Amino acid sequence: MELMSHSSTFLLPPPSSNQTTPSLTYALVVLNQRLPRFSPLLWSHAQLRLCADGGANRLYDDMPLLLPHEDASVVRQRYKPDVIKGDLDSIRKEVLEFYADMGTKVVDESHDQDTTDLHKCVAYVCDWAQNLDKSNQLCILVAGALGGRFDHEIGNINVLCRFSSVRMILLSDDCLIHLLPRTHCHEIHIQSSAEGPHCGLVPIGTPSGSTTTTGLQWDLNETEMRFGGLISTSNIVKEDKITVQSDSDLLWTITIKKL
């Protein structure tokens, strides 16, 4: 089975130009929840930045609060999204006009009520990424994906599953979630200065008949996991590298430290 590696290097400052790094291309999607405190860091890693409908309100309102020593108007001009996409039922008129006047592309998909605004943005990113060098791996960071209404959170997790072949990470102030597809063995390289120690593995879609891990305080050994039975919550990272193999898709979650 092919190996898939994961690392939360986007929680670290971008490397200097003379440092060699893995070929990852980040895109950032901002949702309509409070921006994580490290959003300026995510922004600095991203080559494409989108707001999903009301996420533009959050960018406009919250980013100046994260940079209180700078003039708010200067912050808003610097943190201008490339694209605003969605059904546009949440974005305030003055926010839409502000970014549109600065050249942000606005994509109205109000005709599509069968997919979420996050789904619409991820589809846009995937189309954009077709022009990337094939040696680059796309990774989509989703800010404000957790917290707020539970049905919105579940909808965001569903997008992870619908785009299971795309690297995508859901982020809040406190934790991150991403999918571990059952089609691969997984190595998770822990950035101990930025994340952990609490973590969890949750089967999604179907129960897991057998999950095996290394590097956790309570490792799993061909363990069955399912809702209504055992799931691995409140586990602890003990090593710099965690390995996971399962016959089911899993959600990996880990706490984010106060950066």
Protein backbone atom coordinates (compact mmCIF):
# COMPACT_ATOMS: atom_id res chain seq x y z
CA MET A 1 0.00 0.00 0.00
CA GLU A 2 1.33 3.45 -0.95
CA LEU A 3 2.63 5.73 1.80
CA MET A 4 1.12 9.19 2.35
CA SER A 5 2.98 11.71 4.51
CA HIS A 6 1.43 14.59 6.44
CA SER A 7 3.02 17.56 8.19
CA SER A 8 1.55 20.77 9.57
CA THR A 9 4.39 22.96 8.33
CA PHE A 10 1.83 25.65 7.49
CA LEU A 11 1.73 26.34 11.25
CA LEU A 12 5.39 27.36 11.09
CA PRO A 13 6.84 30.55 9.54
CA PRO A 14 7.45 30.24 5.78
CA PRO A 15 11.00 29.06 5.01
CA SER A 16 13.59 31.47 3.70
CA SER A 17 14.26 31.36 -0.02
CA ASN A 18 17.54 29.43 0.41
CA GLN A 19 15.89 26.56 2.32
CA THR A 20 14.68 23.46 0.50
CA THR A 21 11.09 22.46 1.23
CA PRO A 22 8.66 19.82 -0.04
CA SER A 23 6.78 20.83 -3.18
CA LEU A 24 3.50 21.86 -1.61
CA THR A 25 1.23 24.53 -3.02
CA TYR A 26 -1.22 25.93 -0.48
CA ALA A 27 -4.60 27.48 -1.17
CA LEU A 28 -6.54 29.17 1.64
CA VAL A 29 -10.34 29.21 1.95
CA VAL A 30 -11.86 31.52 4.58
CA LEU A 31 -15.27 30.50 5.93
CA ASN A 32 -17.88 32.47 7.85
CA GLN A 33 -16.59 31.75 11.34
CA ARG A 34 -14.18 33.64 13.59
CA LEU A 35 -10.73 33.71 12.03
CA PRO A 36 -8.08 31.61 13.81
CA ARG A 37 -5.49 33.79 15.53
CA PHE A 38 -2.81 32.44 13.17
CA SER A 39 -4.68 33.41 10.00
CA PRO A 40 -1.96 35.87 8.89
CA LEU A 41 0.46 32.94 8.95
CA LEU A 42 -1.86 30.80 6.81
CA TRP A 43 -2.23 33.72 4.41
CA SER A 44 1.54 34.00 4.02
CA HIS A 45 1.77 30.33 2.97
CA ALA A 46 -1.04 30.47 0.41
CA GLN A 47 -0.67 31.14 -3.30
CA LEU A 48 -4.43 31.39 -3.84
CA ARG A 49 -6.84 32.92 -1.30
CA LEU A 50 -10.61 32.60 -1.44
CA CYS A 51 -13.48 33.70 0.74
CA ALA A 52 -16.57 31.53 0.80
CA ASP A 53 -19.44 34.05 0.74
CA GLY A 54 -19.71 35.44 4.30
CA GLY A 55 -16.09 34.50 4.92
CA ALA A 56 -15.36 37.86 3.29
CA ASN A 57 -17.12 39.58 6.21
CA ARG A 58 -14.85 37.70 8.60
CA LEU A 59 -11.74 38.67 6.68
CA TYR A 60 -12.84 42.32 6.59
CA ASP A 61 -13.86 42.46 10.27
CA ASP A 62 -11.46 40.07 12.00
CA MET A 63 -8.09 40.46 10.27
CA PRO A 64 -7.55 44.01 11.61
CA LEU A 65 -8.31 42.69 15.11
CA LEU A 66 -5.51 40.13 14.72
CA LEU A 67 -3.10 42.92 13.81
CA PRO A 68 -4.13 45.63 16.29
CA HIS A 69 -0.93 47.67 15.96
CA GLU A 70 -1.57 48.33 12.28
CA ASP A 71 -4.06 50.67 10.65
CA ALA A 72 -7.25 48.74 9.83
CA SER A 73 -7.58 50.17 6.33
CA VAL A 74 -4.01 49.16 5.50
CA VAL A 75 -4.63 45.64 6.78
CA ARG A 76 -7.79 45.30 4.69
CA GLN A 77 -6.01 46.42 1.56
CA ARG A 78 -3.10 44.03 2.15
CA TYR A 79 -5.28 41.01 2.92
CA LYS A 80 -7.38 41.11 -0.23
CA PRO A 81 -8.78 37.76 -1.41
CA ASP A 82 -8.24 36.63 -4.98
CA VAL A 83 -11.77 35.22 -5.22
CA ILE A 84 -15.10 35.46 -3.39
CA LYS A 85 -17.36 32.56 -4.31
CA GLY A 86 -20.67 31.18 -3.11
CA ASP A 87 -24.37 31.90 -3.23
CA LEU A 88 -23.60 35.41 -1.88
CA ASP A 89 -26.51 35.45 0.57
CA SER A 90 -24.30 36.25 3.59
CA ILE A 91 -21.70 38.75 2.41
CA ARG A 92 -22.50 42.37 3.30
CA LYS A 93 -22.97 44.74 0.38
CA GLU A 94 -20.26 47.15 1.50
CA VAL A 95 -17.76 44.29 1.92
CA LEU A 96 -18.53 42.91 -1.52
CA GLU A 97 -18.10 46.35 -3.08
CA PHE A 98 -14.88 47.01 -1.16
CA TYR A 99 -13.12 43.90 -2.44
CA ALA A 100 -14.63 44.03 -5.93
CA ASP A 101 -13.35 47.60 -6.32
CA MET A 102 -9.84 46.33 -5.47
CA GLY A 103 -9.99 43.66 -8.16
CA THR A 104 -11.20 40.57 -6.29
CA LYS A 105 -12.98 38.15 -8.61
CA VAL A 106 -16.60 37.56 -7.52
CA VAL A 107 -18.27 34.30 -8.58
CA ASP A 108 -22.01 34.14 -7.93
CA GLU A 109 -23.26 30.55 -7.74
CA SER A 110 -26.65 31.27 -6.18
CA HIS A 111 -28.19 28.96 -8.79
CA ASP A 112 -26.54 25.97 -7.04
CA GLN A 113 -28.24 25.19 -3.73
CA ASP A 114 -27.14 21.54 -3.62
CA THR A 115 -23.54 22.18 -2.56
CA THR A 116 -22.07 24.23 0.27
CA ASP A 117 -19.99 27.36 -0.26
CA LEU A 118 -16.92 25.39 0.85
CA HIS A 119 -17.64 22.75 -1.81
CA LYS A 120 -17.91 25.49 -4.44
CA CYS A 121 -14.57 27.00 -3.37
CA VAL A 122 -12.77 23.65 -3.28
CA ALA A 123 -14.01 22.89 -6.80
CA TYR A 124 -12.64 26.27 -7.92
CA VAL A 125 -9.25 25.54 -6.33
CA CYS A 126 -9.07 22.12 -7.99
CA ASP A 127 -9.74 23.68 -11.40
CA TRP A 128 -7.07 26.30 -10.72
CA ALA A 129 -4.56 23.65 -9.63
CA GLN A 130 -4.74 21.85 -12.97
CA ASN A 131 -2.27 24.45 -14.26
CA LEU A 132 0.28 23.72 -11.54
CA ASP A 133 3.50 21.85 -12.15
CA LYS A 134 2.78 18.16 -11.60
CA SER A 135 5.63 17.95 -9.09
CA ASN A 136 3.69 20.25 -6.74
CA GLN A 137 1.12 18.80 -4.36
CA LEU A 138 -1.97 20.88 -3.67
CA CYS A 139 -3.04 21.39 -0.07
CA ILE A 140 -6.17 23.37 0.80
CA LEU A 141 -6.28 25.10 4.19
CA VAL A 142 -9.79 25.93 5.42
CA ALA A 143 -9.92 28.64 8.10
CA GLY A 144 -12.98 28.88 10.32
CA ALA A 145 -14.14 25.38 9.43
CA LEU A 146 -14.92 24.33 13.01
CA GLY A 147 -17.05 25.95 15.68
CA GLY A 148 -20.45 27.52 15.29
CA ARG A 149 -23.37 25.49 13.97
CA PHE A 150 -22.94 21.73 14.15
CA ASP A 151 -24.60 21.14 10.77
CA HIS A 152 -22.06 23.48 9.18
CA GLU A 153 -19.22 21.51 10.78
CA ILE A 154 -20.64 18.24 9.50
CA GLY A 155 -21.08 19.80 6.07
CA ASN A 156 -17.41 20.78 6.07
CA ILE A 157 -16.37 17.25 7.08
CA ASN A 158 -18.55 15.93 4.27
CA VAL A 159 -16.54 18.07 1.82
CA LEU A 160 -13.40 16.30 3.09
CA CYS A 161 -15.01 13.01 2.12
CA ARG A 162 -16.36 14.20 -1.23
CA PHE A 163 -12.89 15.41 -2.21
CA SER A 164 -11.04 12.51 -0.60
CA SER A 165 -8.22 12.59 -3.16
CA VAL A 166 -7.41 16.23 -2.31
CA ARG A 167 -5.25 17.20 0.65
CA MET A 168 -7.49 19.44 2.73
CA ILE A 169 -7.20 20.60 6.33
CA LEU A 170 -10.03 22.06 8.41
CA LEU A 171 -8.79 24.58 10.96
CA SER A 172 -10.10 26.41 13.99
CA ASP A 173 -8.34 28.34 16.74
CA ASP A 174 -7.93 25.14 18.75
CA CYS A 175 -7.49 22.17 16.43
CA LEU A 176 -7.22 20.80 12.93
CA ILE A 177 -8.88 17.89 11.13
CA HIS A 178 -7.92 16.08 7.95
CA LEU A 179 -8.79 12.84 6.23
CA LEU A 180 -6.64 9.71 6.26
CA PRO A 181 -7.92 7.74 3.23
CA ARG A 182 -7.99 3.97 3.65
CA THR A 183 -6.23 3.64 0.28
CA HIS A 184 -2.89 4.61 1.88
CA CYS A 185 -0.65 3.95 4.85
CA HIS A 186 0.00 7.22 6.68
CA GLU A 187 2.94 8.91 8.36
CA ILE A 188 2.07 12.02 10.36
CA HIS A 189 5.10 14.15 11.20
CA ILE A 190 4.28 16.13 14.32
CA GLN A 191 5.31 19.78 14.58
CA SER A 192 5.62 19.69 18.37
CA SER A 193 6.20 23.44 18.69
CA ALA A 194 2.82 24.14 17.09
CA GLU A 195 0.52 21.16 17.68
CA GLY A 196 -0.38 18.45 20.14
CA PRO A 197 -0.26 16.63 22.39
CA HIS A 198 -3.97 15.72 22.36
CA CYS A 199 -5.21 13.94 19.26
CA GLY A 200 -7.86 11.57 17.99
CA LEU A 201 -8.73 9.11 15.22
CA VAL A 202 -12.37 8.75 14.19
CA PRO A 203 -13.77 6.38 11.54
CA ILE A 204 -15.85 8.21 8.95
CA GLY A 205 -18.26 6.74 6.44
CA THR A 206 -17.95 3.13 7.55
CA PRO A 207 -16.74 1.39 10.73
CA SER A 208 -13.11 0.35 10.92
CA GLY A 209 -12.61 -3.36 11.31
CA SER A 210 -8.87 -2.94 11.89
CA THR A 211 -6.78 0.14 12.68
CA THR A 212 -3.14 -0.01 13.76
CA THR A 213 -1.00 2.90 14.95
CA THR A 214 2.43 3.66 16.36
CA GLY A 215 3.64 6.73 18.23
CA LEU A 216 0.57 7.31 20.42
CA GLN A 217 0.24 6.89 24.17
CA TRP A 218 -2.63 4.46 23.56
CA ASP A 219 -1.75 2.79 20.29
CA LEU A 220 -4.29 0.76 18.37
CA ASN A 221 -3.43 -2.79 17.33
CA GLU A 222 -5.81 -4.09 14.65
CA THR A 223 -8.51 -2.39 16.70
CA GLU A 224 -12.13 -2.16 15.62
CA MET A 225 -13.58 1.36 15.78
CA ARG A 226 -17.15 2.45 15.14
CA PHE A 227 -19.78 4.85 16.41
CA GLY A 228 -21.67 3.14 19.18
CA GLY A 229 -18.42 1.39 20.11
CA LEU A 230 -14.81 2.44 20.49
CA ILE A 231 -13.33 5.55 18.86
CA SER A 232 -9.92 6.96 19.73
CA THR A 233 -10.48 10.34 21.39
CA SER A 234 -8.30 12.19 23.91
CA ASN A 235 -5.26 10.22 22.83
CA ILE A 236 -1.76 11.66 23.29
CA VAL A 237 1.08 12.06 20.80
CA LYS A 238 4.24 10.44 22.20
CA GLU A 239 6.57 10.42 19.19
CA ASP A 240 7.55 12.86 16.43
CA LYS A 241 6.16 10.46 13.84
CA ILE A 242 2.78 8.75 14.02
CA THR A 243 1.92 5.87 11.69
CA VAL A 244 -1.64 4.84 10.87
CA GLN A 245 -3.05 2.01 8.78
CA SER A 246 -6.77 1.26 8.59
CA ASP A 247 -9.37 -0.48 6.46
CA SER A 248 -11.63 2.57 6.82
CA ASP A 249 -11.28 6.26 6.09
CA LEU A 250 -10.33 8.04 9.31
CA LEU A 251 -10.40 11.61 10.54
CA TRP A 252 -7.17 12.70 12.22
CA THR A 253 -7.49 15.59 14.67
CA ILE A 254 -4.86 17.26 16.85
CA THR A 255 -4.85 20.33 19.07
CA ILE A 256 -3.10 23.51 17.95
CA LYS A 257 -0.95 25.30 20.50
CA LYS A 258 -1.11 29.04 21.20
CA LEU A 259 1.16 30.22 18.40
